[in-house]
Amino acid sequence: MNRKSFFLLAVIISSLMVLGACAAQPQITYIEGDEAEQLSATLQPIADNILKGIESNDYDVFVTNFDETMRSAITQDVFSKIAGQYGKLGSVESVELLNIEDQGEYYGLNYGVNYAGSKVTMRIVVKKSATDLVSGLWFK
């Protein structure tokens, strides 16, 4: 195979890989209506506990609604890092539920958390079979 043919083949393979990766992105389904309202009512106090725990540097409040796996994963040391990073933002001015994603066995709730000088997105994941217990938590 000459150099020109090899280059052309490499470009075609790369293009197919990129197109395949784009096509593999799952479609996000959002929960709306009565189901969203019920989830919001259940999860808002849980979101508030997480944020209050960070703001007051209180680990027990922070993990109040965590399932056992989350409690094991987010130790006091891990919490201290989270509280150090996000606690310095000050008091939460407002929390807004942005959307609720259907993720098969789980719901993913995305919140916009507003501080005086910045905005953070908090994602809480709960099992559909246990919506009162947090199974995942991310900030960005």
Protein backbone atom coordinates (compact mmCIF):
# COMPACT_ATOMS: atom_id res chain seq x y z
CA MET A 1 0.00 0.00 0.00
CA ASN A 2 1.44 3.36 -0.98
CA ARG A 3 1.61 6.31 1.35
CA LYS A 4 -1.33 8.17 -0.21
CA SER A 5 -3.62 5.12 0.04
CA PHE A 6 -2.60 4.49 3.63
CA PHE A 7 -3.35 8.12 4.56
CA LEU A 8 -6.76 7.96 2.86
CA LEU A 9 -7.59 4.70 4.65
CA ALA A 10 -6.56 6.21 8.00
CA VAL A 11 -8.80 9.26 7.40
CA ILE A 12 -11.77 7.04 6.50
CA ILE A 13 -11.30 4.82 9.57
CA SER A 14 -10.94 7.86 11.83
CA SER A 15 -14.07 9.42 10.37
CA LEU A 16 -16.06 6.23 10.90
CA MET A 17 -14.86 6.02 14.52
CA VAL A 18 -15.91 9.63 15.18
CA LEU A 19 -19.31 9.10 13.57
CA GLY A 20 -19.78 5.87 15.52
CA ALA A 21 -18.97 7.61 18.80
CA CYS A 22 -21.46 10.38 18.02
CA ALA A 23 -24.17 7.88 17.18
CA ALA A 24 -23.57 5.95 20.41
CA GLN A 25 -24.68 8.86 22.62
CA PRO A 26 -27.81 7.77 24.47
CA GLN A 27 -30.96 9.83 24.15
CA ILE A 28 -31.76 11.59 27.42
CA THR A 29 -35.35 11.22 28.61
CA TYR A 30 -36.62 13.88 31.00
CA ILE A 31 -39.29 13.26 33.62
CA GLU A 32 -42.14 15.78 33.59
CA GLY A 33 -45.64 16.28 34.98
CA ASP A 34 -46.93 14.63 38.15
CA GLU A 35 -43.96 12.28 38.42
CA ALA A 36 -41.54 15.23 38.31
CA GLU A 37 -43.55 17.13 40.91
CA GLN A 38 -43.56 14.15 43.29
CA LEU A 39 -39.83 13.60 42.86
CA SER A 40 -39.15 17.28 43.37
CA ALA A 41 -41.17 17.31 46.59
CA THR A 42 -39.31 14.24 47.87
CA LEU A 43 -35.82 15.34 46.86
CA GLN A 44 -35.86 19.06 47.65
CA PRO A 45 -35.42 18.52 51.42
CA ILE A 46 -32.62 16.06 50.65
CA ALA A 47 -30.87 18.59 48.39
CA ASP A 48 -31.30 21.18 51.15
CA ASN A 49 -29.66 18.83 53.70
CA ILE A 50 -26.67 18.29 51.43
CA LEU A 51 -26.20 22.02 50.94
CA LYS A 52 -26.80 22.85 54.62
CA GLY A 53 -24.26 20.22 55.59
CA ILE A 54 -21.66 21.81 53.32
CA GLU A 55 -22.47 25.35 54.43
CA SER A 56 -22.32 24.49 58.15
CA ASN A 57 -19.47 21.96 57.72
CA ASP A 58 -21.71 19.31 59.33
CA TYR A 59 -20.99 15.82 58.03
CA ASP A 60 -23.99 14.25 59.78
CA VAL A 61 -26.44 16.64 58.09
CA PHE A 62 -24.67 16.17 54.76
CA VAL A 63 -25.04 12.36 54.77
CA THR A 64 -28.49 12.21 56.40
CA ASN A 65 -30.14 10.82 53.27
CA PHE A 66 -27.25 8.84 51.75
CA ASP A 67 -27.54 5.12 51.11
CA GLU A 68 -24.94 2.82 52.68
CA THR A 69 -22.73 2.81 49.59
CA MET A 70 -22.60 6.60 49.53
CA ARG A 71 -21.91 6.80 53.26
CA SER A 72 -19.00 4.39 52.78
CA ALA A 73 -17.67 6.31 49.77
CA ILE A 74 -17.95 9.80 51.22
CA THR A 75 -16.03 9.59 54.45
CA GLN A 76 -15.43 12.49 56.81
CA ASP A 77 -12.15 13.19 54.98
CA VAL A 78 -13.84 13.29 51.57
CA PHE A 79 -16.57 15.50 53.00
CA SER A 80 -13.97 17.89 54.40
CA LYS A 81 -12.59 18.39 50.88
CA ILE A 82 -16.07 18.97 49.46
CA ALA A 83 -16.98 21.38 52.26
CA GLY A 84 -13.66 23.18 51.83
CA GLN A 85 -14.18 23.64 48.12
CA TYR A 86 -17.86 24.58 48.05
CA GLY A 87 -18.26 25.98 51.56
CA LYS A 88 -15.99 28.88 50.67
CA LEU A 89 -18.64 30.06 48.20
CA GLY A 90 -20.71 31.29 51.15
CA SER A 91 -24.40 30.93 51.79
CA VAL A 92 -26.71 29.44 49.21
CA GLU A 93 -28.95 32.18 47.83
CA SER A 94 -31.27 29.92 45.85
CA VAL A 95 -31.66 26.37 44.57
CA GLU A 96 -33.54 25.58 41.37
CA LEU A 97 -34.40 22.14 40.02
CA LEU A 98 -33.22 22.28 36.41
CA ASN A 99 -34.43 18.88 35.22
CA ILE A 100 -34.92 15.23 36.12
CA GLU A 101 -33.42 12.56 33.90
CA ASP A 102 -34.71 9.01 33.56
CA GLN A 103 -31.65 6.75 33.73
CA GLY A 104 -33.17 3.29 33.71
CA GLU A 105 -33.09 2.14 37.34
CA TYR A 106 -32.18 5.65 38.51
CA TYR A 107 -33.31 9.26 38.40
CA GLY A 108 -30.76 12.03 37.98
CA LEU A 109 -31.85 15.38 39.41
CA ASN A 110 -29.88 18.43 38.32
CA TYR A 111 -30.03 21.53 40.50
CA GLY A 112 -28.72 25.02 39.86
CA VAL A 113 -27.25 26.28 43.14
CA ASN A 114 -26.74 30.03 43.27
CA TYR A 115 -24.22 31.73 45.52
CA ALA A 116 -23.46 35.44 45.69
CA GLY A 117 -20.55 35.21 43.27
CA SER A 118 -21.09 31.98 41.38
CA LYS A 119 -23.39 29.22 40.26
CA VAL A 120 -22.80 25.49 40.72
CA THR A 121 -24.67 22.54 39.26
CA MET A 122 -25.41 19.77 41.75
CA ARG A 123 -26.50 16.37 40.48
CA ILE A 124 -28.24 13.94 42.83
CA VAL A 125 -28.88 10.37 41.71
CA VAL A 126 -31.44 8.14 43.43
CA LYS A 127 -32.69 4.64 42.73
CA LYS A 128 -36.25 4.52 41.48
CA SER A 129 -36.93 1.90 44.14
CA ALA A 130 -35.59 4.14 46.95
CA THR A 131 -36.06 7.81 46.05
CA ASP A 132 -35.45 8.88 49.64
CA LEU A 133 -31.79 7.76 49.56
CA VAL A 134 -28.98 9.38 47.57
CA SER A 135 -26.98 6.91 45.46
CA GLY A 136 -24.78 9.45 43.66
CA LEU A 137 -23.70 13.07 44.01
CA TRP A 138 -21.69 15.34 41.71
CA PHE A 139 -20.89 19.03 41.60
CA LYS A 140 -19.66 21.04 38.64
